Amino acid sequence: MQAQLKTKLAFFMFLQYFIWGSWYVSMGTYLSKTLQFEGAQIGLAYGAFAIGAMIAPFLVGLLADRYFASEKLLAFLGITGGLMLFALPMMTTFSSFYPMLIIYCCTFVPTLALGNSLSLRHLDNQKRDFPLVKTLSSIGWIAAGITLSVVFKGEQSAVQFYVAGTTSIIFGLFSLTLPHTPPMKTGKDVSMSEILGLDALALLKKPSFAIFILCMFLICIPLYFYFVNMNQYVTELGWEFSAAKMSLAQVSDVLFLILLPVMLSRLGYKKTIFIGILAWAARYFLLAGSVDSVSMQTMMVFGAILLHGVCYDFLFIAGQLYVDEEANERMRGAAQGLIAFILWGVGAFVGTNLAGISQQANTLAEPIGNIAHDWSSIWIYPAWGSVAVLVVFVIFFREPKKVAKEIGNP
């Protein structure tokens, strides 16, 4: 039964990240090159995802934990989101595109926390099995990038939203085949704060958990410079099939997801997350490197892309597992909603807006060939920002006692 369950959950993750990967990487290029939006507007557009993430914990806490089975709510969100994606290509001005994108993100982002919570609830060995199930999310992202680039050549086209919308409807229908996951708090005497998922805030009373949440918020500020700017950067470098080439990041993702259980069992959470933050700093220093050789620059950019597995898995996936271990059964869904609120909500909102402002501030008065921005200046700020977060994390975060005993640390 567990083998069949893991197969279903893995395909669910594949579809979920195929949707996301179909538009998120290339949207900035489409908005800049096709719709002629300014850098600050592009940053705001990426911030729409953050607004959805800030709403998601309340939606999950109010509906999934109290009133509706998770798989049925996932089905509704997937199908509704697909219809929203089909409407986006009709919006060609910022004043129409931006509100519709916010509405869509409010349907997609809750599926991330819901999917994680559902998976962790049904898997027998979360620490071993969850990273393996999540490998299909990376493969879904890779497949989306290749489909968009090679099949449709759609990085600068609205076709990306039609691809994502079709997949979203399939995702919604498939969600109905997932294990029945009734709300945890039905029929129980619960407070309004617990219904809304605010009970997870009690975890902040633990000093190390509070430091973890603070560092997750701080690292989100520099890291969203990558998501907002990267596809536009390589497009200006003259890369063809940019979305497909950038999907090499998810190849790295698959490899390090497989390694993650081993790393956690041997190193624990602190050292694993430390490596993840360090990789973000290294990625930005590679991108900020100013070299005369085109081949050397290309190698450095590919190096930054291939660091993605360490950047994402050792930070975000390890972080989600840490949160799951710190939370009890009753508040597990709310705790996953809290980390989603930080990673994809407030942190993303600040990070994406600063990335857009930085892009606009570093726009060249006279483009040099295809290069329209001072990219070295854009990348150096998140590089040093990541270093600052790393210092805070190393000094103040403490390994959970249970994990410290398991890895042999006093």
Protein backbone atom coordinates (compact mmCIF):
# COMPACT_ATOMS: atom_id res chain seq x y z
CA MET A 1 0.00 0.00 0.00
CA GLN A 2 2.82 2.42 0.84
CA ALA A 3 4.45 1.82 -2.56
CA GLN A 4 1.19 2.66 -4.36
CA LEU A 5 0.71 5.70 -2.12
CA LYS A 6 4.22 7.01 -2.83
CA THR A 7 3.64 6.60 -6.58
CA LYS A 8 0.42 8.63 -6.37
CA LEU A 9 1.99 11.34 -4.24
CA ALA A 10 5.00 11.52 -6.55
CA PHE A 11 2.79 12.03 -9.63
CA PHE A 12 0.79 14.63 -7.70
CA MET A 13 4.06 16.51 -7.02
CA PHE A 14 5.02 16.16 -10.70
CA LEU A 15 1.81 17.83 -11.87
CA GLN A 16 1.95 20.51 -9.19
CA TYR A 17 5.45 21.63 -10.14
CA PHE A 18 4.79 21.26 -13.88
CA ILE A 19 2.12 23.93 -13.44
CA TRP A 20 4.47 26.20 -11.52
CA GLY A 21 7.47 25.64 -13.79
CA SER A 22 5.43 26.36 -16.93
CA TRP A 23 5.09 30.06 -16.15
CA TYR A 24 7.13 31.12 -13.12
CA VAL A 25 10.58 30.95 -14.71
CA SER A 26 9.67 32.71 -17.95
CA MET A 27 6.99 35.17 -16.83
CA GLY A 28 9.52 37.97 -16.25
CA THR A 29 10.81 37.65 -19.81
CA TYR A 30 7.24 37.64 -21.21
CA LEU A 31 6.31 40.72 -19.18
CA SER A 32 9.49 42.58 -20.12
CA LYS A 33 9.95 41.69 -23.77
CA THR A 34 6.34 41.15 -24.91
CA LEU A 35 4.16 43.34 -22.68
CA GLN A 36 6.92 45.94 -22.07
CA PHE A 37 6.37 46.13 -18.31
CA GLU A 38 8.93 48.03 -16.22
CA GLY A 39 11.25 46.33 -13.73
CA ALA A 40 9.27 47.45 -10.68
CA GLN A 41 6.06 46.12 -12.26
CA ILE A 42 7.74 42.77 -12.92
CA GLY A 43 8.80 42.63 -9.27
CA LEU A 44 5.23 43.35 -8.21
CA ALA A 45 3.96 40.62 -10.56
CA TYR A 46 6.23 38.07 -8.91
CA GLY A 47 5.03 39.44 -5.58
CA ALA A 48 1.52 38.27 -6.50
CA PHE A 49 2.71 34.78 -5.61
CA ALA A 50 3.69 36.13 -2.19
CA ILE A 51 0.22 37.61 -1.66
CA GLY A 52 -1.25 34.19 -2.39
CA ALA A 53 1.16 32.68 0.13
CA MET A 54 0.11 35.15 2.81
CA ILE A 55 -3.52 34.16 2.32
CA ALA A 56 -2.79 30.41 2.08
CA PRO A 57 -2.30 29.65 5.81
CA PHE A 58 -5.71 31.10 6.63
CA LEU A 59 -7.35 29.20 3.79
CA VAL A 60 -5.68 25.96 4.85
CA GLY A 61 -6.40 26.51 8.53
CA LEU A 62 -10.01 27.56 8.03
CA LEU A 63 -11.04 25.11 5.31
CA ALA A 64 -8.67 22.12 5.20
CA ASP A 65 -8.17 21.71 8.95
CA ARG A 66 -11.82 22.34 9.86
CA TYR A 67 -14.36 21.85 7.10
CA PHE A 68 -13.16 20.08 3.94
CA ALA A 69 -11.10 17.03 3.10
CA SER A 70 -7.71 18.05 1.72
CA GLU A 71 -8.03 16.09 -1.53
CA LYS A 72 -11.38 17.74 -2.38
CA LEU A 73 -10.04 21.20 -1.65
CA LEU A 74 -7.00 20.46 -3.83
CA ALA A 75 -9.32 19.41 -6.67
CA PHE A 76 -11.34 22.63 -6.41
CA LEU A 77 -8.22 24.81 -6.29
CA GLY A 78 -6.61 23.03 -9.25
CA ILE A 79 -9.60 23.33 -11.56
CA THR A 80 -10.37 26.92 -10.56
CA GLY A 81 -6.71 27.86 -10.97
CA GLY A 82 -6.67 26.37 -14.46
CA LEU A 83 -9.55 28.61 -15.51
CA MET A 84 -7.73 31.64 -14.09
CA LEU A 85 -4.60 30.77 -16.09
CA PHE A 86 -6.62 30.61 -19.29
CA ALA A 87 -7.83 34.17 -18.58
CA LEU A 88 -4.35 35.65 -18.00
CA PRO A 89 -3.30 35.94 -21.69
CA MET A 90 -6.25 38.26 -22.27
CA MET A 91 -4.80 40.71 -19.74
CA THR A 92 -2.18 42.81 -21.55
CA THR A 93 -1.95 45.87 -19.28
CA PHE A 94 -0.46 45.86 -15.79
CA SER A 95 -3.71 47.13 -14.27
CA SER A 96 -5.59 44.07 -15.56
CA PHE A 97 -2.82 41.43 -15.49
CA TYR A 98 -1.71 42.03 -11.90
CA PRO A 99 -5.09 41.56 -10.13
CA MET A 100 -5.86 38.42 -12.16
CA LEU A 101 -2.43 36.99 -11.32
CA ILE A 102 -3.05 37.65 -7.60
CA ILE A 103 -6.39 35.81 -7.79
CA TYR A 104 -4.72 32.88 -9.54
CA CYS A 105 -1.90 32.71 -7.00
CA CYS A 106 -4.49 32.57 -4.22
CA THR A 107 -5.67 29.29 -5.77
CA PHE A 108 -2.24 27.76 -6.44
CA VAL A 109 -0.11 28.59 -3.40
CA PRO A 110 -2.39 26.84 -0.87
CA THR A 111 -1.87 23.59 -2.81
CA LEU A 112 1.81 23.63 -1.81
CA ALA A 113 1.15 23.54 1.94
CA LEU A 114 -1.85 21.23 1.49
CA GLY A 115 0.14 18.79 -0.63
CA ASN A 116 3.02 18.70 1.86
CA SER A 117 0.70 18.28 4.82
CA LEU A 118 -1.28 15.49 3.12
CA SER A 119 1.92 13.66 2.13
CA LEU A 120 3.50 13.92 5.57
CA ARG A 121 0.26 12.71 7.19
CA HIS A 122 0.08 9.48 5.15
CA LEU A 123 3.75 8.51 4.75
CA ASP A 124 5.02 6.05 7.34
CA ASN A 125 8.60 7.35 7.38
CA GLN A 126 8.49 11.06 6.57
CA LYS A 127 12.20 11.81 6.86
CA ARG A 128 13.10 8.96 4.47
CA ASP A 129 10.15 8.97 2.07
CA PHE A 130 9.16 12.64 1.74
CA PRO A 131 12.37 13.77 -0.04
CA LEU A 132 12.06 10.81 -2.44
CA VAL A 133 8.45 11.69 -3.24
CA LYS A 134 9.50 15.32 -3.77
CA THR A 135 12.01 14.30 -6.46
CA LEU A 136 9.09 14.13 -8.90
CA SER A 137 8.40 17.80 -8.26
CA SER A 138 11.82 18.57 -9.73
CA ILE A 139 11.16 16.30 -12.69
CA GLY A 140 7.84 18.10 -13.23
CA TRP A 141 9.65 21.44 -13.29
CA ILE A 142 12.22 20.05 -15.76
CA ALA A 143 9.47 18.69 -18.00
CA ALA A 144 7.70 22.07 -17.92
CA GLY A 145 10.84 23.95 -18.94
CA ILE A 146 11.61 21.56 -21.79
CA THR A 147 7.99 21.57 -22.98
CA LEU A 148 7.80 25.36 -22.96
CA SER A 149 11.21 25.88 -24.63
CA VAL A 150 11.56 23.03 -27.08
CA VAL A 151 7.96 22.25 -28.00
CA PHE A 152 6.45 25.75 -27.93
CA LYS A 153 9.45 28.14 -27.81
CA GLY A 154 7.18 30.06 -25.47
CA GLU A 155 9.38 31.99 -23.03
CA GLN A 156 8.18 35.28 -24.52
CA SER A 157 4.68 34.05 -25.35
CA ALA A 158 1.36 33.73 -23.50
CA VAL A 159 1.35 30.02 -24.43
CA GLN A 160 3.04 29.39 -21.06
CA PHE A 161 -0.25 30.17 -19.30
CA TYR A 162 -2.25 27.82 -21.54
CA VAL A 163 0.21 24.99 -20.82
CA ALA A 164 -0.01 25.68 -17.09
CA GLY A 165 -3.80 26.00 -17.18
CA THR A 166 -4.35 22.68 -18.93
CA THR A 167 -2.06 20.93 -16.46
CA SER A 168 -3.81 22.62 -13.53
CA ILE A 169 -7.16 21.13 -14.50
CA ILE A 170 -5.56 17.66 -14.83
CA PHE A 171 -3.95 18.23 -11.42
CA GLY A 172 -7.31 19.08 -9.90
CA LEU A 173 -8.98 15.96 -11.26
CA PHE A 174 -6.07 13.74 -10.18
CA SER A 175 -6.26 15.13 -6.64
CA LEU A 176 -9.55 13.28 -6.19
CA THR A 177 -7.61 9.99 -6.37
CA LEU A 178 -5.41 10.88 -3.37
CA PRO A 179 -5.99 9.24 0.03
CA HIS A 180 -8.99 10.59 1.90
CA THR A 181 -7.66 13.22 4.31
CA PRO A 182 -10.48 14.52 6.49
CA PRO A 183 -10.05 17.74 8.48
CA MET A 184 -8.20 17.15 11.76
CA LYS A 185 -10.31 19.50 13.88
CA THR A 186 -13.88 18.55 12.93
CA GLY A 187 -16.08 18.11 15.97
CA LYS A 188 -13.41 19.36 18.35
CA ASP A 189 -13.63 22.33 20.66
CA VAL A 190 -11.15 24.68 19.03
CA SER A 191 -10.55 28.41 19.25
CA MET A 192 -10.73 30.78 16.32
CA SER A 193 -6.93 31.20 16.41
CA GLU A 194 -6.56 27.43 16.02
CA ILE A 195 -9.05 27.33 13.16
CA LEU A 196 -7.03 30.00 11.34
CA GLY A 197 -3.79 28.12 11.96
CA LEU A 198 -2.45 30.73 14.38
CA ASP A 199 -1.83 28.01 16.98
CA ALA A 200 1.40 27.24 15.12
CA LEU A 201 2.73 30.57 16.39
CA ALA A 202 3.20 28.86 19.75
CA LEU A 203 6.25 27.17 18.21
CA LEU A 204 7.95 30.58 18.15
CA LYS A 205 8.34 30.29 21.94
CA LYS A 206 11.19 27.88 21.20
CA PRO A 207 14.28 30.10 20.67
CA SER A 208 15.82 27.94 17.93
CA PHE A 209 12.52 27.71 16.04
CA ALA A 210 12.15 31.49 16.22
CA ILE A 211 15.70 31.91 14.87
CA PHE A 212 14.92 29.43 12.11
CA ILE A 213 11.81 31.39 11.07
CA LEU A 214 13.75 34.68 11.19
CA CYS A 215 16.51 33.26 8.98
CA MET A 216 13.97 31.83 6.53
CA PHE A 217 12.44 35.28 6.21
CA LEU A 218 15.81 36.99 5.80
CA ILE A 219 17.16 34.53 3.21
CA CYS A 220 13.99 34.94 1.13
CA ILE A 221 14.90 38.59 0.52
CA PRO A 222 18.07 37.86 -1.48
CA LEU A 223 16.97 34.54 -2.97
CA TYR A 224 14.02 35.98 -4.91
CA PHE A 225 16.45 38.07 -6.94
CA TYR A 226 17.20 34.79 -8.75
CA PHE A 227 13.60 33.91 -9.58
CA VAL A 228 12.66 37.42 -10.72
CA ASN A 229 15.77 38.14 -12.80
CA MET A 230 17.44 34.93 -13.94
CA ASN A 231 15.51 34.13 -17.12
CA GLN A 232 15.67 37.73 -18.26
CA TYR A 233 19.43 37.73 -17.53
CA VAL A 234 20.22 34.69 -19.66
CA THR A 235 17.88 35.99 -22.39
CA GLU A 236 19.95 39.18 -22.54
CA LEU A 237 23.08 37.01 -22.70
CA GLY A 238 21.60 35.60 -25.91
CA TRP A 239 20.70 32.12 -24.65
CA GLU A 240 18.22 30.15 -26.76
CA PHE A 241 15.85 27.63 -25.15
CA SER A 242 16.52 29.44 -21.87
CA ALA A 243 13.74 27.75 -19.87
CA ALA A 244 14.99 24.31 -20.91
CA LYS A 245 18.59 25.16 -20.01
CA MET A 246 17.52 26.60 -16.68
CA SER A 247 15.72 23.33 -15.93
CA LEU A 248 19.19 21.85 -15.35
CA ALA A 249 18.65 23.35 -11.91
CA GLN A 250 16.02 20.70 -11.30
CA VAL A 251 18.35 17.92 -12.48
CA SER A 252 20.58 19.03 -9.63
CA ASP A 253 17.44 19.18 -7.47
CA VAL A 254 16.70 15.49 -8.08
CA LEU A 255 20.23 14.42 -7.16
CA PHE A 256 20.32 16.37 -3.91
CA LEU A 257 16.80 15.34 -2.91
CA ILE A 258 18.02 11.74 -3.05
CA LEU A 259 21.04 12.73 -0.92
CA LEU A 260 18.98 14.76 1.58
CA PRO A 261 17.91 11.86 3.85
CA VAL A 262 21.55 10.77 4.13
CA MET A 263 22.70 14.33 4.88
CA LEU A 264 20.04 14.81 7.55
CA SER A 265 20.81 11.50 9.23
CA ARG A 266 24.56 12.22 9.31
CA LEU A 267 24.71 15.99 9.73
CA GLY A 268 21.38 16.97 11.27
CA TYR A 269 19.36 20.06 10.47
CA LYS A 270 21.85 22.79 11.40
CA LYS A 271 24.73 21.69 9.19
CA THR A 272 22.42 20.75 6.32
CA ILE A 273 20.62 24.11 6.34
CA PHE A 274 24.00 25.87 6.76
CA ILE A 275 25.17 24.26 3.51
CA GLY A 276 21.93 25.38 1.82
CA ILE A 277 22.39 29.05 2.79
CA LEU A 278 26.09 28.91 1.86
CA ALA A 279 25.12 27.64 -1.61
CA TRP A 280 22.88 30.69 -2.14
CA ALA A 281 25.80 33.00 -1.38
CA ALA A 282 28.07 31.05 -3.75
CA ARG A 283 25.41 31.15 -6.50
CA TYR A 284 25.15 34.94 -6.41
CA PHE A 285 28.91 35.49 -6.29
CA LEU A 286 29.16 33.34 -9.43
CA LEU A 287 26.48 35.42 -11.16
CA ALA A 288 28.08 38.70 -10.05
CA GLY A 289 31.52 37.71 -11.34
CA SER A 290 32.60 40.08 -14.09
CA VAL A 291 34.76 38.30 -16.68
CA ASP A 292 35.80 39.18 -20.20
CA SER A 293 35.66 35.62 -21.51
CA VAL A 294 32.23 34.61 -22.84
CA SER A 295 32.98 30.92 -22.26
CA MET A 296 34.05 31.58 -18.65
CA GLN A 297 30.91 33.63 -18.05
CA THR A 298 28.78 30.82 -19.46
CA MET A 299 30.50 28.30 -17.16
CA MET A 300 29.88 30.52 -14.14
CA VAL A 301 26.19 30.95 -15.01
CA PHE A 302 25.75 27.20 -15.50
CA GLY A 303 27.54 26.67 -12.17
CA ALA A 304 25.05 28.98 -10.49
CA ILE A 305 22.15 27.09 -12.09
CA LEU A 306 23.52 23.68 -11.04
CA LEU A 307 23.82 24.79 -7.42
CA HIS A 308 20.04 24.86 -7.24
CA GLY A 309 19.70 21.40 -5.70
CA VAL A 310 21.82 22.38 -2.72
CA CYS A 311 20.20 25.82 -2.50
CA TYR A 312 16.63 24.56 -2.53
CA ASP A 313 16.67 21.09 -0.98
CA PHE A 314 19.12 21.70 1.85
CA LEU A 315 17.26 24.87 2.82
CA PHE A 316 13.57 24.56 1.95
CA ILE A 317 12.91 20.82 2.03
CA ALA A 318 15.11 20.33 5.10
CA GLY A 319 13.30 23.29 6.63
CA GLN A 320 9.88 21.76 5.98
CA LEU A 321 11.00 18.51 7.61
CA TYR A 322 12.37 20.45 10.59
CA VAL A 323 9.03 22.23 11.01
CA ASP A 324 7.17 18.90 10.76
CA GLU A 325 9.39 17.42 13.48
CA GLU A 326 8.90 20.38 15.80
CA ALA A 327 5.09 20.44 15.41
CA ASN A 328 2.66 18.04 17.04
CA GLU A 329 -0.02 16.13 15.13
CA ARG A 330 -2.75 18.65 15.91
CA MET A 331 -0.92 21.67 14.52
CA ARG A 332 1.05 20.00 11.71
CA GLY A 333 -1.05 21.50 8.92
CA ALA A 334 -0.92 24.93 10.55
CA ALA A 335 2.86 24.65 10.98
CA GLN A 336 3.33 23.86 7.29
CA GLY A 337 1.07 26.82 6.54
CA LEU A 338 3.29 29.01 8.72
CA ILE A 339 6.47 28.07 6.88
CA ALA A 340 4.68 28.62 3.55
CA PHE A 341 3.61 32.05 4.83
CA ILE A 342 7.25 32.92 5.54
CA LEU A 343 8.95 31.32 2.52
CA TRP A 344 6.45 32.21 -0.17
CA GLY A 345 4.59 35.03 1.59
CA VAL A 346 6.16 37.91 3.48
CA GLY A 347 9.75 36.98 2.54
CA ALA A 348 8.85 36.58 -1.11
CA PHE A 349 6.86 39.82 -1.15
CA VAL A 350 9.81 41.83 0.17
CA GLY A 351 12.34 39.94 -1.97
CA THR A 352 10.48 40.15 -5.29
CA ASN A 353 9.74 43.84 -4.90
CA LEU A 354 13.34 44.66 -4.03
CA ALA A 355 14.50 42.53 -6.97
CA GLY A 356 12.24 44.48 -9.33
CA ILE A 357 13.34 47.82 -7.92
CA SER A 358 16.99 46.77 -8.23
CA GLN A 359 16.44 45.68 -11.83
CA GLN A 360 14.84 49.01 -12.73
CA ALA A 361 17.52 51.01 -10.88
CA ASN A 362 20.26 49.15 -12.75
CA THR A 363 18.74 49.55 -16.22
CA LEU A 364 21.34 50.94 -18.61
CA ALA A 365 20.61 54.27 -20.26
CA GLU A 366 22.04 52.87 -23.49
CA PRO A 367 21.88 49.09 -23.94
CA ILE A 368 25.14 47.35 -24.86
CA GLY A 369 24.01 44.98 -27.58
CA ASN A 370 21.32 42.80 -25.97
CA ILE A 371 22.43 43.74 -22.45
CA ALA A 372 19.98 46.26 -20.99
CA HIS A 373 20.97 46.01 -17.29
CA ASP A 374 24.05 46.21 -15.06
CA TRP A 375 23.75 42.61 -13.96
CA SER A 376 26.89 42.52 -11.82
CA SER A 377 25.42 45.23 -9.58
CA ILE A 378 22.07 43.45 -9.45
CA TRP A 379 23.62 40.14 -8.28
CA ILE A 380 26.16 41.43 -5.75
CA TYR A 381 23.55 42.66 -3.23
CA PRO A 382 21.86 39.27 -2.69
CA ALA A 383 25.33 37.66 -2.51
CA TRP A 384 26.33 39.67 0.55
CA GLY A 385 22.79 39.45 1.95
CA SER A 386 23.06 35.66 1.94
CA VAL A 387 26.37 35.86 3.80
CA ALA A 388 24.75 38.02 6.50
CA VAL A 389 21.94 35.50 7.01
CA LEU A 390 24.48 32.68 7.19
CA VAL A 391 26.29 34.41 10.07
CA VAL A 392 23.05 34.90 12.04
CA PHE A 393 22.03 31.26 11.51
CA VAL A 394 25.39 29.80 12.56
CA ILE A 395 25.58 31.85 15.75
CA PHE A 396 22.04 31.48 17.06
CA PHE A 397 20.41 28.28 15.72
CA ARG A 398 20.61 25.14 17.88
CA GLU A 399 20.10 21.57 16.71
CA PRO A 400 16.97 19.91 18.17
CA LYS A 401 18.04 17.72 21.11
CA LYS A 402 16.49 14.58 19.65
CA VAL A 403 18.33 15.02 16.35
CA ALA A 404 21.59 15.95 18.11
CA LYS A 405 21.48 12.62 19.97
CA GLU A 406 20.74 10.70 16.76
CA ILE A 407 23.80 12.15 14.96
CA GLY A 408 26.02 11.75 17.99
CA ASN A 409 26.41 15.41 19.01
CA PRO A 410 26.28 16.31 22.68
